[in-house]
Amino acid sequence: MRQIVGFIAGAMCGAVVGAVAALLLAPASGPELRQQVRTRVDDLLAEGRQAAEDRRAELEAQLAALKRPAG
């Protein structure tokens, strides 16, 4: 029984220490962190869309060049 109580007390102390460490070492508050992540994801999506548009234009130009009659 003592071992169980000791284990539970140790686990609770560990959880408290872990929670305090997480709060102290967190790079930003919850809302700030979510906003940073959202901004980064939006930037990455915009870059991906731009790269796809650029590649599409490049491929369409190549296709048009291939369709032109030789001469």
C-alpha atoms as a PDB file:
ATOM      1  CA  MET A   1       0.000   0.000   0.000  1.00  0.00           C
ATOM      2  CA  ARG A   2       2.855   2.381   0.811  1.00  0.00           C
ATOM      3  CA  GLN A   3       4.376   1.772  -2.586  1.00  0.00           C
ATOM      4  CA  ILE A   4       1.162   2.720  -4.346  1.00  0.00           C
ATOM      5  CA  VAL A   5       0.765   5.923  -2.311  1.00  0.00           C
ATOM      6  CA  GLY A   6       4.415   6.773  -2.927  1.00  0.00           C
ATOM      7  CA  PHE A   7       4.028   6.158  -6.648  1.00  0.00           C
ATOM      8  CA  ILE A   8       0.889   8.316  -6.872  1.00  0.00           C
ATOM      9  CA  ALA A   9       2.542  11.117  -4.868  1.00  0.00           C
ATOM     10  CA  GLY A  10       5.607  10.985  -7.124  1.00  0.00           C
ATOM     11  CA  ALA A  11       3.477  10.994 -10.252  1.00  0.00           C
ATOM     12  CA  MET A  12       1.525  14.012  -9.016  1.00  0.00           C
ATOM     13  CA  CYS A  13       4.724  15.885  -8.141  1.00  0.00           C
ATOM     14  CA  GLY A  14       6.126  15.055 -11.554  1.00  0.00           C
ATOM     15  CA  ALA A  15       2.981  16.306 -13.243  1.00  0.00           C
ATOM     16  CA  VAL A  16       3.133  19.589 -11.321  1.00  0.00           C
ATOM     17  CA  VAL A  17       6.815  20.091 -12.130  1.00  0.00           C
ATOM     18  CA  GLY A  18       6.157  19.265 -15.795  1.00  0.00           C
ATOM     19  CA  ALA A  19       3.248  21.702 -15.993  1.00  0.00           C
ATOM     20  CA  VAL A  20       5.283  24.512 -14.421  1.00  0.00           C
ATOM     21  CA  ALA A  21       8.209  23.819 -16.742  1.00  0.00           C
ATOM     22  CA  ALA A  22       5.900  23.845 -19.779  1.00  0.00           C
ATOM     23  CA  LEU A  23       4.421  27.185 -18.738  1.00  0.00           C
ATOM     24  CA  LEU A  24       7.828  28.731 -18.126  1.00  0.00           C
ATOM     25  CA  LEU A  25       9.437  27.410 -21.301  1.00  0.00           C
ATOM     26  CA  ALA A  26       6.529  27.931 -23.705  1.00  0.00           C
ATOM     27  CA  PRO A  27       7.538  30.205 -26.604  1.00  0.00           C
ATOM     28  CA  ALA A  28       4.249  32.128 -26.525  1.00  0.00           C
ATOM     29  CA  SER A  29       0.832  32.116 -24.938  1.00  0.00           C
ATOM     30  CA  GLY A  30      -1.869  29.878 -26.398  1.00  0.00           C
ATOM     31  CA  PRO A  31      -3.593  32.501 -28.568  1.00  0.00           C
ATOM     32  CA  GLU A  32      -0.255  33.931 -29.745  1.00  0.00           C
ATOM     33  CA  LEU A  33       1.060  30.488 -30.613  1.00  0.00           C
ATOM     34  CA  ARG A  34      -2.110  29.575 -32.518  1.00  0.00           C
ATOM     35  CA  GLN A  35      -1.880  32.838 -34.464  1.00  0.00           C
ATOM     36  CA  GLN A  36       1.774  32.186 -35.309  1.00  0.00           C
ATOM     37  CA  VAL A  37       0.958  28.672 -36.499  1.00  0.00           C
ATOM     38  CA  ARG A  38      -2.027  29.915 -38.515  1.00  0.00           C
ATOM     39  CA  THR A  39       0.108  32.635 -40.143  1.00  0.00           C
ATOM     40  CA  ARG A  40       2.860  30.167 -41.010  1.00  0.00           C
ATOM     41  CA  VAL A  41       0.394  27.670 -42.500  1.00  0.00           C
ATOM     42  CA  ASP A  42      -1.251  30.434 -44.556  1.00  0.00           C
ATOM     43  CA  ASP A  43       2.178  31.539 -45.823  1.00  0.00           C
ATOM     44  CA  LEU A  44       3.105  27.987 -46.785  1.00  0.00           C
ATOM     45  CA  LEU A  45      -0.196  27.490 -48.597  1.00  0.00           C
ATOM     46  CA  ALA A  46       0.262  30.754 -50.492  1.00  0.00           C
ATOM     47  CA  GLU A  47       3.791  29.742 -51.507  1.00  0.00           C
ATOM     48  CA  GLY A  48       2.490  26.363 -52.679  1.00  0.00           C
ATOM     49  CA  ARG A  49      -0.276  27.964 -54.728  1.00  0.00           C
ATOM     50  CA  GLN A  50       2.167  30.403 -56.314  1.00  0.00           C
ATOM     51  CA  ALA A  51       4.593  27.611 -57.169  1.00  0.00           C
ATOM     52  CA  ALA A  52       1.739  25.608 -58.742  1.00  0.00           C
ATOM     53  CA  GLU A  53       0.604  28.622 -60.780  1.00  0.00           C
ATOM     54  CA  ASP A  54       4.156  29.280 -61.961  1.00  0.00           C
ATOM     55  CA  ARG A  55       4.662  25.660 -62.961  1.00  0.00           C
ATOM     56  CA  ARG A  56       1.307  25.565 -64.754  1.00  0.00           C
ATOM     57  CA  ALA A  57       2.201  28.670 -66.784  1.00  0.00           C
ATOM     58  CA  GLU A  58       5.558  27.113 -67.638  1.00  0.00           C
ATOM     59  CA  LEU A  59       3.949  23.865 -68.790  1.00  0.00           C
ATOM     60  CA  GLU A  60       1.294  25.698 -70.796  1.00  0.00           C
ATOM     61  CA  ALA A  61       4.034  27.659 -72.571  1.00  0.00           C
ATOM     62  CA  GLN A  62       5.865  24.430 -73.370  1.00  0.00           C
ATOM     63  CA  LEU A  63       2.660  22.856 -74.681  1.00  0.00           C
ATOM     64  CA  ALA A  64       1.941  25.864 -76.869  1.00  0.00           C
ATOM     65  CA  ALA A  65       5.483  25.660 -78.254  1.00  0.00           C
ATOM     66  CA  LEU A  66       4.989  21.993 -79.090  1.00  0.00           C
ATOM     67  CA  LYS A  67       1.675  22.672 -80.845  1.00  0.00           C
ATOM     68  CA  ARG A  68       3.194  25.300 -83.166  1.00  0.00           C
ATOM     69  CA  PRO A  69       3.947  23.940 -86.609  1.00  0.00           C
ATOM     70  CA  ALA A  70       7.610  23.554 -87.388  1.00  0.00           C
ATOM     71  CA  GLY A  71       8.789  25.921 -89.934  1.00  0.00           C
END
